[in-house]
Amino acid sequence: MKIAIAIPARYASTRFPGKPLEKIGGQSMLSRVVELARSIGDVDIFVTTEDKRIADHAAELGVECIITPASCPTGSDRVLSALRQMDEWPDFVINLQGDAPFTPPSVINALIKAFQDNPSAEVVTPVHQLSWDDLDRLREAKKTTPFSGTTAIVDEEGQALWFSKNILPAIRKEEELRGDSKLSPVHQHMGLYGFRTDILEKFCALPQGVYEQLEGLEQLRMLENGIKVTAVKIELDSGQIQSGIDTPEDLERAEARLMAGA
């Protein structure tokens, strides 16, 4: 079984141009993600980008980089475009976004294990059940950046039912629930995916869905078209940085928490 980690790193982000080259704690975001991928072990690693500046930085880091068209609408499309330039495809590819430098290695290992345990799985993606403190932090962040942070609804068999930039589910009798459990009923999506590569090709051939366009979440195209998304539940310490960097405000929050030892 051949497994690869693809790191799509787009320079021309609408909300945060050049963010893979931005520094956190004196180290570029992309270099942190590459280090993370290298910690996993026996996997192939490549960066894919539309911009020479990022390609040059990848060369400095000593990691393979594949140039893909600026017209690729999503990170998944960029990964597929890179695969089509390869002689041999992996069986399974993890799309590790170049703006997710604080993803714990255990998360990537959990996705690999989920696929090894069930090679027929179509898409696997991690979610984390938020503590009440983490839920409060997410609510506070959404006051200034409402489209940062994605939540997920997961059924009892571990299949994702829905994703949203809103905080789902709504919670009645919250004070009562807070007294009964340290964990809230909210799962936050951690923005990376593992695809069986034939499913990646199928997914990218589909037109954008209605809800995908409304929420700006490509995973909703999967659900709208019957692609099964397995949610791999991950345990994280309360306060651990877990989300991607979508905006300059996210970067400021991440750096502040990093400097505070979060």
Protein backbone atom coordinates (compact mmCIF):
# COMPACT_ATOMS: atom_id res chain seq x y z
CA MET A 1 0.00 0.00 0.00
CA LYS A 2 1.54 3.28 -1.15
CA ILE A 3 0.69 6.39 0.88
CA ALA A 4 1.61 9.99 0.11
CA ILE A 5 1.23 13.30 1.90
CA ALA A 6 0.44 16.18 -0.44
CA ILE A 7 0.87 19.75 0.81
CA PRO A 8 -1.10 22.20 -1.34
CA ALA A 9 0.32 25.65 -0.65
CA ARG A 10 -1.41 28.42 -2.57
CA TYR A 11 0.12 31.88 -2.60
CA ALA A 12 -2.86 33.80 -3.97
CA SER A 13 -5.24 33.29 -1.05
CA THR A 14 -8.08 35.82 -1.18
CA ARG A 15 -8.19 36.30 2.58
CA PHE A 16 -4.45 36.01 3.26
CA PRO A 17 -2.10 36.27 0.26
CA GLY A 18 1.27 34.58 0.73
CA LYS A 19 0.34 32.90 3.98
CA PRO A 20 2.46 29.70 3.50
CA LEU A 21 5.52 31.98 3.63
CA GLU A 22 4.39 33.88 6.73
CA LYS A 23 6.43 33.17 9.84
CA ILE A 24 5.19 31.84 13.14
CA GLY A 25 7.72 31.92 15.93
CA GLY A 26 10.43 32.75 13.39
CA GLN A 27 9.68 29.77 11.14
CA SER A 28 7.67 29.80 7.92
CA MET A 29 4.27 28.18 7.97
CA LEU A 30 5.26 25.89 5.08
CA SER A 31 8.45 24.75 6.78
CA ARG A 32 6.43 23.78 9.86
CA VAL A 33 4.03 21.72 7.73
CA VAL A 34 6.90 20.01 5.87
CA GLU A 35 8.55 19.13 9.19
CA LEU A 36 5.26 17.70 10.36
CA ALA A 37 4.93 15.52 7.24
CA ARG A 38 8.51 14.30 7.59
CA SER A 39 7.85 13.18 11.15
CA ILE A 40 5.37 10.58 9.91
CA GLY A 41 7.90 8.17 8.45
CA ASP A 42 7.36 5.85 5.51
CA VAL A 43 5.35 8.10 3.20
CA ASP A 44 6.09 10.10 0.06
CA ILE A 45 5.87 13.89 0.51
CA PHE A 46 5.38 16.64 -2.03
CA VAL A 47 4.32 20.28 -2.06
CA THR A 48 2.12 21.59 -4.85
CA THR A 49 1.69 25.28 -5.62
CA GLU A 50 0.87 27.78 -8.35
CA ASP A 51 3.60 30.24 -7.38
CA LYS A 52 7.35 30.31 -7.96
CA ARG A 53 8.00 31.99 -4.61
CA ILE A 54 6.58 29.01 -2.77
CA ALA A 55 8.34 26.58 -5.14
CA ASP A 56 11.65 28.33 -4.40
CA HIS A 57 11.03 28.06 -0.66
CA ALA A 58 10.18 24.36 -1.03
CA ALA A 59 13.52 23.90 -2.81
CA GLU A 60 15.25 25.57 0.15
CA LEU A 61 13.50 23.08 2.41
CA GLY A 62 14.61 20.16 0.23
CA VAL A 63 11.11 18.89 -0.50
CA GLU A 64 9.71 17.95 -3.90
CA CYS A 65 7.41 20.62 -5.35
CA ILE A 66 5.04 20.25 -8.31
CA ILE A 67 3.78 23.38 -10.06
CA THR A 68 0.04 23.26 -10.77
CA PRO A 69 -2.24 25.76 -12.54
CA ALA A 70 -3.42 28.88 -10.75
CA SER A 71 -6.90 27.95 -11.94
CA CYS A 72 -7.19 24.97 -9.54
CA PRO A 73 -10.25 25.95 -7.48
CA THR A 74 -9.45 23.94 -4.33
CA GLY A 75 -6.59 22.22 -2.58
CA SER A 76 -8.03 18.87 -3.63
CA ASP A 77 -7.99 19.90 -7.30
CA ARG A 78 -4.39 21.02 -6.88
CA VAL A 79 -3.42 17.64 -5.40
CA LEU A 80 -5.11 15.80 -8.27
CA SER A 81 -3.35 18.05 -10.80
CA ALA A 82 -0.04 17.14 -9.16
CA LEU A 83 -0.84 13.41 -9.19
CA ARG A 84 -1.54 13.59 -12.92
CA GLN A 85 2.08 14.67 -13.41
CA MET A 86 3.34 11.51 -11.67
CA ASP A 87 4.20 8.20 -13.29
CA GLU A 88 2.79 6.18 -10.38
CA TRP A 89 -0.08 7.19 -8.12
CA PRO A 90 -0.30 6.33 -4.43
CA ASP A 91 -3.26 4.25 -3.23
CA PHE A 92 -4.07 6.83 -0.60
CA VAL A 93 -3.17 10.50 -0.40
CA ILE A 94 -3.44 12.80 2.60
CA ASN A 95 -4.21 16.39 1.70
CA LEU A 96 -2.32 18.29 4.40
CA GLN A 97 -2.98 21.96 3.78
CA GLY A 98 0.03 24.25 3.84
CA ASP A 99 -1.78 26.48 6.37
CA ALA A 100 -2.19 23.77 9.03
CA PRO A 101 1.18 23.89 10.84
CA PHE A 102 -0.11 22.80 14.23
CA THR A 103 -1.68 19.52 13.16
CA PRO A 104 -0.46 16.89 15.66
CA PRO A 105 1.43 13.98 14.02
CA SER A 106 -0.96 11.63 15.82
CA VAL A 107 -3.76 12.98 13.62
CA ILE A 108 -2.01 12.02 10.39
CA ASN A 109 -1.08 8.63 11.81
CA ALA A 110 -4.72 8.09 12.77
CA LEU A 111 -5.85 8.79 9.18
CA ILE A 112 -3.27 6.35 7.82
CA LYS A 113 -4.37 3.68 10.30
CA ALA A 114 -8.04 4.26 9.42
CA PHE A 115 -7.29 3.56 5.79
CA GLN A 116 -5.04 0.58 6.56
CA ASP A 117 -7.80 -0.91 8.72
CA ASN A 118 -10.41 -0.30 6.01
CA PRO A 119 -8.88 0.09 2.51
CA SER A 120 -12.39 0.47 1.04
CA ALA A 121 -12.89 3.75 2.93
CA GLU A 122 -13.52 6.57 0.49
CA VAL A 123 -12.51 9.67 2.45
CA VAL A 124 -11.26 9.95 6.02
CA THR A 125 -10.98 13.20 7.96
CA PRO A 126 -10.27 14.03 11.62
CA VAL A 127 -12.62 15.69 14.09
CA HIS A 128 -12.08 16.68 17.70
CA GLN A 129 -14.71 16.95 20.40
CA LEU A 130 -14.30 20.36 21.99
CA SER A 131 -14.04 21.00 25.68
CA TRP A 132 -16.31 23.75 26.92
CA ASP A 133 -13.29 26.07 27.19
CA ASP A 134 -12.34 25.35 23.58
CA LEU A 135 -15.93 25.95 22.48
CA ASP A 136 -15.86 29.31 24.25
CA ARG A 137 -12.61 30.15 22.40
CA LEU A 138 -14.16 29.19 19.08
CA ARG A 139 -17.21 31.36 19.76
CA GLU A 140 -14.97 34.29 20.65
CA ALA A 141 -12.89 33.86 17.49
CA LYS A 142 -16.01 33.83 15.35
CA LYS A 143 -16.96 37.29 16.57
CA THR A 144 -14.14 38.72 14.45
CA THR A 145 -13.56 35.94 11.88
CA PRO A 146 -16.91 34.15 11.45
CA PHE A 147 -15.69 31.90 8.64
CA SER A 148 -12.74 30.49 10.58
CA GLY A 149 -13.30 27.14 12.26
CA THR A 150 -15.57 24.39 10.94
CA THR A 151 -17.80 22.10 12.98
CA ALA A 152 -19.02 18.61 12.10
CA ILE A 153 -22.02 16.44 12.87
CA VAL A 154 -21.07 12.76 13.16
CA ASP A 155 -23.31 9.72 13.49
CA GLU A 156 -22.82 6.80 15.89
CA GLU A 157 -20.97 4.79 13.23
CA GLY A 158 -18.44 7.54 12.68
CA GLN A 159 -19.79 8.82 9.38
CA ALA A 160 -19.90 12.57 8.86
CA LEU A 161 -23.44 13.84 8.33
CA TRP A 162 -22.69 17.55 7.85
CA PHE A 163 -20.09 20.30 8.18
CA SER A 164 -20.67 23.99 8.76
CA LYS A 165 -18.94 27.28 9.44
CA ASN A 166 -21.72 27.80 11.97
CA ILE A 167 -21.30 26.09 15.31
CA LEU A 168 -23.39 22.91 15.21
CA PRO A 169 -25.36 21.65 17.00
CA ALA A 170 -27.26 24.42 18.74
CA ILE A 171 -27.30 23.61 22.45
CA ARG A 172 -30.33 23.86 24.72
CA LYS A 173 -29.83 23.80 28.48
CA GLU A 174 -26.12 24.48 28.09
CA GLU A 175 -25.47 25.31 31.73
CA GLU A 176 -26.89 21.98 32.77
CA LEU A 177 -24.72 20.13 30.25
CA ARG A 178 -21.63 22.03 31.37
CA GLY A 179 -22.13 20.68 34.86
CA ASP A 180 -22.38 17.10 33.65
CA SER A 181 -19.38 16.82 31.33
CA LYS A 182 -16.00 18.40 30.58
CA LEU A 183 -16.70 17.97 26.87
CA SER A 184 -19.21 19.91 24.83
CA PRO A 185 -21.33 18.14 22.17
CA VAL A 186 -19.52 20.12 19.42
CA HIS A 187 -16.97 18.48 17.13
CA GLN A 188 -14.52 20.71 15.32
CA HIS A 189 -13.29 19.59 11.93
CA MET A 190 -9.52 19.52 11.59
CA GLY A 191 -8.91 20.61 8.01
CA LEU A 192 -7.20 17.71 6.33
CA TYR A 193 -8.42 14.74 4.33
CA GLY A 194 -7.23 11.32 3.33
CA PHE A 195 -8.54 10.22 -0.07
CA ARG A 196 -8.51 6.94 -1.85
CA THR A 197 -7.08 8.32 -5.06
CA ASP A 198 -9.86 7.00 -7.31
CA ILE A 199 -12.35 8.84 -5.09
CA LEU A 200 -10.26 12.02 -5.29
CA GLU A 201 -10.52 11.84 -9.07
CA LYS A 202 -14.29 11.24 -8.88
CA PHE A 203 -14.76 14.10 -6.41
CA CYS A 204 -12.83 16.65 -8.47
CA ALA A 205 -14.90 15.80 -11.57
CA LEU A 206 -18.12 16.79 -9.78
CA PRO A 207 -19.56 20.30 -10.11
CA GLN A 208 -19.64 22.46 -7.01
CA GLY A 209 -22.66 21.80 -4.84
CA VAL A 210 -25.20 24.34 -3.64
CA TYR A 211 -24.20 24.11 0.01
CA GLU A 212 -20.51 23.96 -0.84
CA GLN A 213 -20.85 27.34 -2.52
CA LEU A 214 -22.88 28.81 0.33
CA GLU A 215 -20.53 27.68 3.11
CA GLY A 216 -17.25 27.62 1.17
CA LEU A 217 -16.62 24.01 2.25
CA GLU A 218 -15.59 21.53 -0.42
CA GLN A 219 -16.40 18.54 1.82
CA LEU A 220 -20.08 19.38 1.43
CA ARG A 221 -19.75 18.47 -2.26
CA MET A 222 -18.81 14.97 -1.09
CA LEU A 223 -21.88 14.63 1.09
CA GLU A 224 -24.16 16.18 -1.52
CA ASN A 225 -23.02 13.50 -3.98
CA GLY A 226 -23.10 10.46 -1.70
CA ILE A 227 -19.34 10.12 -1.13
CA LYS A 228 -18.89 8.62 2.33
CA VAL A 229 -16.73 10.65 4.69
CA THR A 230 -15.44 8.75 7.69
CA ALA A 231 -14.81 11.02 10.68
CA VAL A 232 -11.81 9.85 12.70
CA LYS A 233 -12.22 11.08 16.27
CA ILE A 234 -9.05 12.53 17.77
CA GLU A 235 -8.36 13.33 21.42
CA LEU A 236 -6.51 16.59 22.05
CA ASP A 237 -5.68 18.45 25.22
CA SER A 238 -7.89 21.46 25.92
CA GLY A 239 -6.32 24.58 24.48
CA GLN A 240 -4.13 22.75 21.97
CA ILE A 241 -3.90 24.64 18.68
CA GLN A 242 -5.86 22.59 16.20
CA SER A 243 -7.22 24.71 13.35
CA GLY A 244 -5.68 26.02 10.16
CA ILE A 245 -4.55 29.59 9.60
CA ASP A 246 -7.17 31.25 7.40
CA THR A 247 -6.66 34.95 8.16
CA PRO A 248 -4.07 37.35 9.59
CA GLU A 249 -6.12 37.35 12.80
CA ASP A 250 -5.76 33.54 13.00
CA LEU A 251 -2.00 33.97 12.62
CA GLU A 252 -1.88 36.50 15.46
CA ARG A 253 -3.90 34.21 17.72
CA ALA A 254 -1.74 31.20 16.86
CA GLU A 255 1.50 33.06 17.49
CA ALA A 256 0.22 34.40 20.81
CA ARG A 257 -0.78 30.91 21.94
CA LEU A 258 2.49 29.44 20.68
CA MET A 259 4.48 32.01 22.64
CA ALA A 260 2.34 31.29 25.70
CA GLY A 261 3.23 27.60 25.43
CA ALA A 262 -0.16 26.38 24.16
